[in-house]
């Protein structure tokens, strides 16, 4: 399917969802739930909190979709702004209660053995710790690009920035993460053969 067909298909589904079409709403949920969940999981670190917050995001979408207006940005940009705002709001609530976000406890991985799952969890925990040291814009770009799987263009629209700016932010974030890992080698990197 061509990119313009994807955009036209998305527009048709979103327009139907705006009128309350349950099948269209279900299709949007099916298409976007995994990406929104991965984005929130990367930001929150706890799969249970991420599930709850992702559901909350889709409830907000359901409440607001009739007011959604097509502009230059795609529907996904609007959706990820809602997700971003939900994460910020949740972090404020947790900060007021004195609770810090835990690191990732579990990831749904079907085809891995126990050793690979443990190594992946350790790697993700290390990346999460390192990402917390990045400036907000860099954390957000990393989350949208790699956790949610958005393209540079989609990330730019979701953040209200130019594509070139997103590329620069991403480059700086990756360079900083690389620097962190060179200075502090991860435990999981030392494998015995």
Protein backbone atom coordinates (compact mmCIF):
# COMPACT_ATOMS: atom_id res chain seq x y z
CA UNK A 1 0.00 0.00 0.00
CA UNK A 2 1.37 3.42 -0.93
CA UNK A 3 1.89 6.16 1.67
CA UNK A 4 -0.96 8.23 0.19
CA UNK A 5 -3.26 5.18 0.35
CA UNK A 6 -2.29 4.75 4.01
CA UNK A 7 -3.10 8.41 4.69
CA UNK A 8 -6.40 8.16 2.81
CA UNK A 9 -7.26 4.95 4.67
CA UNK A 10 -6.41 6.53 8.00
CA UNK A 11 -8.51 9.57 7.14
CA UNK A 12 -11.50 7.40 6.25
CA UNK A 13 -11.23 5.44 9.51
CA UNK A 14 -10.77 8.58 11.62
CA UNK A 15 -13.67 10.36 9.91
CA UNK A 16 -15.91 7.34 10.54
CA UNK A 17 -14.75 7.19 14.17
CA UNK A 18 -15.61 10.88 14.58
CA UNK A 19 -19.25 10.01 13.80
CA UNK A 20 -19.24 7.30 16.48
CA UNK A 21 -18.75 4.31 14.16
CA UNK A 22 -17.81 1.51 16.58
CA UNK A 23 -15.96 -0.52 13.94
CA UNK A 24 -13.82 2.50 13.08
CA UNK A 25 -13.12 3.21 16.74
CA UNK A 26 -12.12 -0.43 17.20
CA UNK A 27 -9.83 -0.22 14.17
CA UNK A 28 -8.08 2.89 15.52
CA UNK A 29 -7.59 1.11 18.84
CA UNK A 30 -6.20 -1.97 17.08
CA UNK A 31 -3.85 0.10 14.92
CA UNK A 32 -2.51 2.43 17.57
CA UNK A 33 -2.70 0.61 20.91
CA UNK A 34 0.65 -1.23 20.54
CA UNK A 35 2.52 1.92 19.52
CA UNK A 36 0.99 4.09 22.24
CA UNK A 37 1.62 1.37 24.83
CA UNK A 38 5.31 1.07 23.83
CA UNK A 39 5.71 4.85 23.98
CA UNK A 40 4.15 5.06 27.43
CA UNK A 41 6.07 2.00 28.67
CA UNK A 42 9.33 3.62 27.58
CA UNK A 43 8.38 6.76 29.50
CA UNK A 44 6.84 5.16 32.61
CA UNK A 45 8.89 1.99 32.91
CA UNK A 46 6.22 -0.18 34.51
CA UNK A 47 4.10 -2.38 32.22
CA UNK A 48 1.09 -2.30 34.55
CA UNK A 49 1.10 1.48 34.80
CA UNK A 50 1.67 1.67 31.04
CA UNK A 51 -1.37 -0.52 30.37
CA UNK A 52 -3.56 1.60 32.64
CA UNK A 53 -2.31 4.86 31.18
CA UNK A 54 -2.69 3.60 27.61
CA UNK A 55 -6.32 2.72 28.34
CA UNK A 56 -6.77 6.19 29.82
CA UNK A 57 -5.32 7.73 26.66
CA UNK A 58 -7.81 5.85 24.51
CA UNK A 59 -10.66 6.95 26.77
CA UNK A 60 -9.50 10.55 26.28
CA UNK A 61 -9.36 9.94 22.52
CA UNK A 62 -12.88 8.52 22.60
CA UNK A 63 -14.12 11.61 24.47
CA UNK A 64 -12.36 14.06 22.15
CA UNK A 65 -12.35 12.43 18.71
CA UNK A 66 -15.47 14.23 17.51
CA UNK A 67 -13.58 17.51 18.00
CA UNK A 68 -10.47 16.29 16.14
CA UNK A 69 -9.72 18.53 13.15
CA UNK A 70 -7.55 17.59 10.20
CA UNK A 71 -4.63 19.97 9.81
CA UNK A 72 -1.16 19.44 8.37
CA UNK A 73 -0.35 16.80 10.98
CA UNK A 74 -1.72 13.25 10.80
CA UNK A 75 -4.06 11.71 13.35
CA UNK A 76 -1.08 9.96 15.00
CA UNK A 77 0.46 13.32 15.92
CA UNK A 78 -2.74 14.30 17.74
CA UNK A 79 -2.91 10.90 19.44
CA UNK A 80 0.71 10.99 20.64
CA UNK A 81 0.26 14.50 22.02
CA UNK A 82 -2.58 13.13 24.14
CA UNK A 83 -0.29 10.25 25.23
CA UNK A 84 2.54 12.66 26.04
CA UNK A 85 0.24 14.88 28.09
CA UNK A 86 -1.09 11.83 29.94
CA UNK A 87 2.46 10.77 30.84
CA UNK A 88 3.30 14.27 32.08
CA UNK A 89 0.10 14.38 34.13
CA UNK A 90 0.77 10.94 35.62
CA UNK A 91 4.34 11.89 36.54
CA UNK A 92 3.08 15.02 38.29
CA UNK A 93 0.61 12.92 40.28
CA UNK A 94 3.35 10.46 41.22
CA UNK A 95 5.67 13.30 42.17
CA UNK A 96 3.01 14.77 44.45
CA UNK A 97 2.66 11.37 46.13
CA UNK A 98 6.42 10.93 46.37
CA UNK A 99 6.46 7.91 44.11
CA UNK A 100 9.12 7.44 41.50
CA UNK A 101 8.58 5.44 38.32
CA UNK A 102 9.93 1.91 38.58
CA UNK A 103 12.02 0.42 35.86
CA UNK A 104 10.60 -2.07 33.43
CA UNK A 105 9.56 -5.22 35.26
CA UNK A 106 8.41 -7.37 32.39
CA UNK A 107 8.00 -7.20 28.67
CA UNK A 108 5.67 -9.34 26.59
CA UNK A 109 8.11 -11.36 24.54
CA UNK A 110 6.89 -14.55 22.92
CA UNK A 111 9.84 -16.10 21.13
CA UNK A 112 12.66 -15.67 23.60
CA UNK A 113 14.14 -18.11 26.03
CA UNK A 114 14.61 -17.20 29.71
CA UNK A 115 18.24 -16.12 29.28
CA UNK A 116 17.44 -13.81 26.36
CA UNK A 117 14.48 -12.33 28.25
CA UNK A 118 16.66 -11.56 31.27
CA UNK A 119 19.36 -10.01 29.08
CA UNK A 120 16.78 -7.88 27.27
CA UNK A 121 15.23 -6.70 30.53
CA UNK A 122 18.65 -5.77 31.88
CA UNK A 123 19.46 -3.93 28.66
CA UNK A 124 16.17 -2.04 28.71
CA UNK A 125 16.63 -1.16 32.39
CA UNK A 126 20.08 0.24 31.63
CA UNK A 127 18.76 2.23 28.68
CA UNK A 128 15.88 3.56 30.78
CA UNK A 129 18.27 4.68 33.52
CA UNK A 130 20.51 6.37 30.99
CA UNK A 131 17.59 8.00 29.15
CA UNK A 132 16.43 9.62 32.39
CA UNK A 133 19.59 11.75 32.29
CA UNK A 134 18.70 13.16 28.86
CA UNK A 135 16.92 16.49 28.41
CA UNK A 136 13.13 16.22 27.98
CA UNK A 137 13.13 16.77 24.20
CA UNK A 138 15.72 14.03 23.71
CA UNK A 139 13.80 11.59 25.92
CA UNK A 140 10.63 12.34 24.00
CA UNK A 141 12.26 11.83 20.60
CA UNK A 142 13.80 8.54 21.72
CA UNK A 143 10.43 7.40 23.08
CA UNK A 144 8.48 8.33 19.96
CA UNK A 145 11.05 7.04 17.49
CA UNK A 146 12.13 3.80 19.12
CA UNK A 147 9.47 2.82 21.64
CA UNK A 148 6.44 3.91 19.62
CA UNK A 149 8.08 3.24 16.26
CA UNK A 150 7.14 6.56 14.67
CA UNK A 151 8.97 7.84 11.64
CA UNK A 152 10.98 11.05 11.79
CA UNK A 153 8.12 12.87 10.05
CA UNK A 154 5.50 11.51 12.47
CA UNK A 155 7.73 12.36 15.44
CA UNK A 156 8.22 15.89 14.15
CA UNK A 157 4.48 16.41 13.78
CA UNK A 158 3.74 14.91 17.20
CA UNK A 159 6.26 17.27 18.79
CA UNK A 160 5.44 20.30 16.67
CA UNK A 161 9.00 20.48 15.36
CA UNK A 162 10.66 20.28 11.97
CA UNK A 163 12.05 16.96 10.72
CA UNK A 164 15.57 18.35 10.66
CA UNK A 165 15.23 19.43 14.27
CA UNK A 166 14.03 15.93 15.26
CA UNK A 167 17.00 14.37 13.48
CA UNK A 168 19.40 16.66 15.34
CA UNK A 169 17.72 15.93 18.70
CA UNK A 170 17.81 12.19 17.97
CA UNK A 171 21.46 12.34 16.95
CA UNK A 172 22.38 14.20 20.14
CA UNK A 173 20.37 11.76 22.28
CA UNK A 174 22.02 8.72 20.73
CA UNK A 175 25.46 10.30 21.03
CA UNK A 176 24.80 11.06 24.71
CA UNK A 177 23.54 7.51 25.36
CA UNK A 178 26.58 6.09 23.59
CA UNK A 179 28.82 8.28 25.75
CA UNK A 180 27.04 7.09 28.90
CA UNK A 181 27.48 3.45 27.94
CA UNK A 182 31.14 3.86 27.05
CA UNK A 183 31.79 5.44 30.44
CA UNK A 184 29.68 2.89 32.30
CA UNK A 185 29.71 -0.49 30.55
CA UNK A 186 26.51 -2.40 31.14
CA UNK A 187 26.53 -5.54 33.22
CA UNK A 188 24.69 -7.46 30.50
CA UNK A 189 27.46 -6.73 28.00
CA UNK A 190 29.86 -9.10 29.75
CA UNK A 191 28.86 -12.53 28.52
CA UNK A 192 30.68 -15.73 29.15
CA UNK A 193 31.07 -18.07 26.23
